[in-house]
Protein backbone atom coordinates (compact mmCIF):
# COMPACT_ATOMS: atom_id res chain seq x y z
CA MET A 1 0.03 -0.05 -0.01
CA GLY A 2 1.28 3.44 -0.91
CA LYS A 3 1.63 6.46 1.22
CA ALA A 4 -1.38 8.60 2.37
CA LYS A 5 -1.97 11.81 0.54
CA LEU A 6 -4.25 13.70 3.05
CA LEU A 7 -4.03 13.99 6.85
CA TRP A 8 -7.60 14.63 8.13
CA MET A 9 -7.37 16.07 11.47
CA ASP A 10 -9.78 17.59 14.01
CA LEU A 11 -9.10 18.96 17.42
CA GLU A 12 -11.39 19.54 20.29
CA MET A 13 -10.24 22.45 22.46
CA THR A 14 -11.26 24.29 25.49
CA GLY A 15 -12.01 27.34 23.29
CA LEU A 16 -10.76 29.04 20.22
CA ASP A 17 -7.95 31.27 21.67
CA PRO A 18 -4.62 29.40 20.98
CA GLU A 19 -3.01 31.62 23.72
CA LYS A 20 -5.42 30.86 26.46
CA ASP A 21 -6.99 27.53 25.43
CA ARG A 22 -5.70 24.06 25.25
CA ILE A 23 -6.14 20.93 22.92
CA LEU A 24 -8.31 18.27 24.63
CA GLU A 25 -8.78 15.71 21.87
CA VAL A 26 -7.26 14.92 18.59
CA ALA A 27 -8.25 12.43 15.85
CA ALA A 28 -6.66 11.90 12.44
CA ILE A 29 -7.46 9.83 9.50
CA ALA A 30 -5.06 9.20 6.70
CA THR A 31 -6.60 8.95 3.23
CA ASP A 32 -5.67 8.62 -0.36
CA TRP A 33 -6.97 11.11 -3.00
CA GLU A 34 -10.15 8.94 -3.43
CA LEU A 35 -10.77 10.03 0.34
CA GLU A 36 -10.49 6.28 1.29
CA PRO A 37 -9.27 5.84 4.84
CA MET A 38 -5.87 4.04 5.17
CA ALA A 39 -5.34 4.41 8.90
CA GLN A 40 -6.61 6.46 11.88
CA MET A 41 -5.49 7.48 15.39
CA ALA A 42 -7.12 9.36 18.20
CA ALA A 43 -5.86 10.53 21.64
CA VAL A 44 -7.00 12.55 24.62
CA VAL A 45 -4.86 15.40 25.87
CA LYS A 46 -4.82 16.12 29.59
CA ALA A 47 -5.60 19.56 30.40
CA PRO A 48 -5.83 21.36 33.77
CA GLU A 49 -9.29 20.84 35.34
CA LYS A 50 -9.37 24.49 36.43
CA LEU A 51 -8.63 25.69 32.79
CA MET A 52 -11.43 23.43 31.51
CA GLN A 53 -14.01 24.86 34.05
CA GLU A 54 -12.92 28.42 33.39
CA ARG A 55 -12.67 28.22 29.55
CA MET A 56 -15.52 25.83 28.68
CA VAL A 57 -18.32 28.24 29.35
CA GLY A 58 -20.74 30.37 27.39
CA GLU A 59 -23.35 29.93 24.67
CA PHE A 60 -21.34 27.35 22.66
CA TRP A 61 -20.65 25.00 25.41
CA GLU A 62 -24.25 25.46 26.79
CA LYS A 63 -25.60 24.31 23.39
CA ASN A 64 -23.03 21.44 23.49
CA ALA A 65 -23.38 20.35 26.94
CA ALA A 66 -23.03 16.64 26.17
CA SER A 67 -19.80 17.17 24.24
CA ARG A 68 -18.54 19.26 27.18
CA ALA A 69 -19.45 16.61 29.61
CA GLY A 70 -17.71 13.93 27.63
CA LEU A 71 -14.57 15.85 27.18
CA MET A 72 -14.39 16.72 30.90
CA GLU A 73 -15.09 13.16 31.83
CA GLN A 74 -12.41 11.67 29.63
CA ASN A 75 -9.78 14.20 30.70
CA SER A 76 -8.62 11.98 33.58
CA GLU A 77 -7.50 9.43 30.92
CA GLY A 78 -5.53 12.04 28.89
CA LYS A 79 -1.94 12.04 28.18
CA GLU A 80 0.68 14.85 28.43
CA THR A 81 0.67 16.98 25.17
CA SER A 82 4.19 15.93 24.46
CA VAL A 83 3.25 12.23 24.57
CA VAL A 84 0.41 12.82 22.18
CA GLU A 85 2.70 14.83 19.77
CA GLY A 86 5.01 11.70 19.73
CA GLU A 87 2.04 9.48 18.82
CA ILE A 88 1.09 11.82 15.98
CA LEU A 89 4.64 11.97 14.67
CA LYS A 90 4.79 8.15 14.75
CA PHE A 91 1.48 8.12 12.74
CA LEU A 92 2.88 10.61 10.18
CA ASN A 93 6.11 8.86 9.83
CA GLU A 94 4.32 5.52 9.14
CA TRP A 95 1.68 6.71 6.72
CA PHE A 96 3.07 9.73 4.97
CA GLY A 97 6.06 10.74 2.88
CA ASP A 98 7.63 14.14 3.02
CA GLU A 99 4.54 16.20 2.02
CA VAL A 100 1.73 16.08 4.61
CA ILE A 101 -1.30 17.97 3.58
CA LEU A 102 -3.64 18.90 6.38
CA ALA A 103 -7.33 18.66 5.61
CA GLY A 104 -10.51 19.21 7.53
CA ASN A 105 -13.14 21.83 8.30
CA SER A 106 -11.95 25.30 9.37
CA ILE A 107 -8.46 23.69 9.64
CA HIS A 108 -6.66 26.94 9.88
CA GLN A 109 -8.02 27.35 13.39
CA ASP A 110 -6.72 23.98 14.45
CA ARG A 111 -3.39 24.73 12.72
CA LYS A 112 -3.00 27.56 15.21
CA PHE A 113 -3.12 25.14 18.01
CA ILE A 114 -0.93 22.61 16.28
CA ASP A 115 1.71 25.34 15.65
CA ARG A 116 1.63 26.37 19.33
CA GLU A 117 1.29 22.94 21.18
CA TRP A 118 2.85 20.53 18.71
CA PRO A 119 5.85 22.28 16.97
CA GLU A 120 7.33 19.12 15.65
CA VAL A 121 4.10 18.04 14.00
CA SER A 122 3.73 21.59 12.64
CA ARG A 123 7.21 21.37 10.96
CA LYS A 124 6.03 18.25 9.03
CA LEU A 125 2.95 19.91 7.62
CA HIS A 126 2.82 21.41 4.27
CA TYR A 127 2.01 25.16 4.03
CA ARG A 128 -1.10 24.22 1.79
CA MET A 129 -4.15 22.91 3.49
CA LEU A 130 -7.51 21.48 2.28
CA ASP A 131 -10.17 23.40 4.06
CA VAL A 132 -13.63 21.91 3.42
CA SER A 133 -15.23 24.98 4.76
CA ALA A 134 -14.06 26.81 1.64
CA TRP A 135 -16.10 24.39 -0.56
CA LYS A 136 -19.05 25.15 1.96
CA VAL A 137 -18.88 28.80 1.32
CA VAL A 138 -18.84 28.37 -2.50
CA PHE A 139 -21.64 25.73 -2.64
CA GLU A 140 -23.90 27.51 -0.08
CA GLY A 141 -23.29 31.09 -1.59
CA LYS A 142 -23.17 30.29 -5.36
CA TYR A 143 -25.40 27.36 -5.69
CA GLY A 144 -27.64 27.40 -2.65
CA LYS A 145 -26.58 23.85 -1.75
CA LYS A 146 -26.01 22.90 1.88
CA PHE A 147 -24.57 19.72 3.24
CA LEU A 148 -26.13 18.68 6.54
CA LYS A 149 -23.35 17.52 8.71
CA ARG A 150 -23.84 16.09 12.18
CA GLU A 151 -22.13 18.22 14.77
CA THR A 152 -20.96 16.15 17.60
CA HIS A 153 -18.01 18.15 18.59
CA ARG A 154 -16.00 15.03 19.26
CA ALA A 155 -12.87 14.73 17.04
CA LEU A 156 -13.22 11.46 15.37
CA ASP A 157 -16.92 11.91 14.49
CA ASP A 158 -16.30 15.43 13.27
CA ILE A 159 -13.36 14.41 10.97
CA MET A 160 -15.38 11.61 9.49
CA GLY A 161 -18.12 14.00 8.79
CA SER A 162 -15.66 16.40 7.14
CA ILE A 163 -14.59 13.52 4.73
CA GLU A 164 -18.21 12.81 3.92
CA GLU A 165 -18.87 16.45 3.26
CA LEU A 166 -16.05 16.80 0.70
CA ARG A 167 -17.26 13.56 -0.89
CA TRP A 168 -20.72 15.23 -1.17
CA TYR A 169 -19.20 18.35 -2.81
CA LEU A 170 -17.22 16.30 -5.19
CA SER A 171 -20.27 14.30 -6.18
CA MET A 172 -22.06 17.56 -6.99
CA MET A 173 -19.31 18.35 -9.59
CA GLU A 174 -19.55 14.95 -11.22
CA ALA A 175 -23.29 15.23 -11.62
C-alpha cells in the first residue's frame, strides 16, 4: 500500500484562543486522493481541570453540553501533550512521505493550536491545506446547496463528517 495523501485532522479544544485555550482531543485519518481511509488514530490530551472549568463556558458550551461533559469526563484518561505529539509523529512517519497536507473543516484554526502545542508536528505539515469550509462557502453562496453535517463536537466523528462532506461536494461536481 502506498503513502497517504491527506491528513484529516480535527481537534477539540477548551475554546478558540490558542494563547489561552488548550487541545483536549485529537483524531486523524490518513486517506488517499479517493478519500478512502488508510489508517486512523485518536488521543485525549490532559488539560488542567481548572482551565477546563474556566474556559468551557458560554453559549457554545451550553448548546453542546453533552460534548462538554464527555470531554471533561475523559480528561482523567488524557496524556501529556508531548506524549500525544509523539504519537502523531509516529503516525505521520508511518503513513506519509515528506509532504503532509492537512485537511478538515476550518482547519486554519486547528493549525494555530498545532503550531503552538505541537511544533514538531507543525514542521512536518505542508503550507497548503485542504479546508472543506471553503467548499461550503462556495456551494452555499453560489449554488444554494447545503451539506447537513452532524455536529457532535467530538474529534473522530467530526473528521469523518468532514470527509463525507467533501465527498458530497465532489459528487455535485460529477453530476
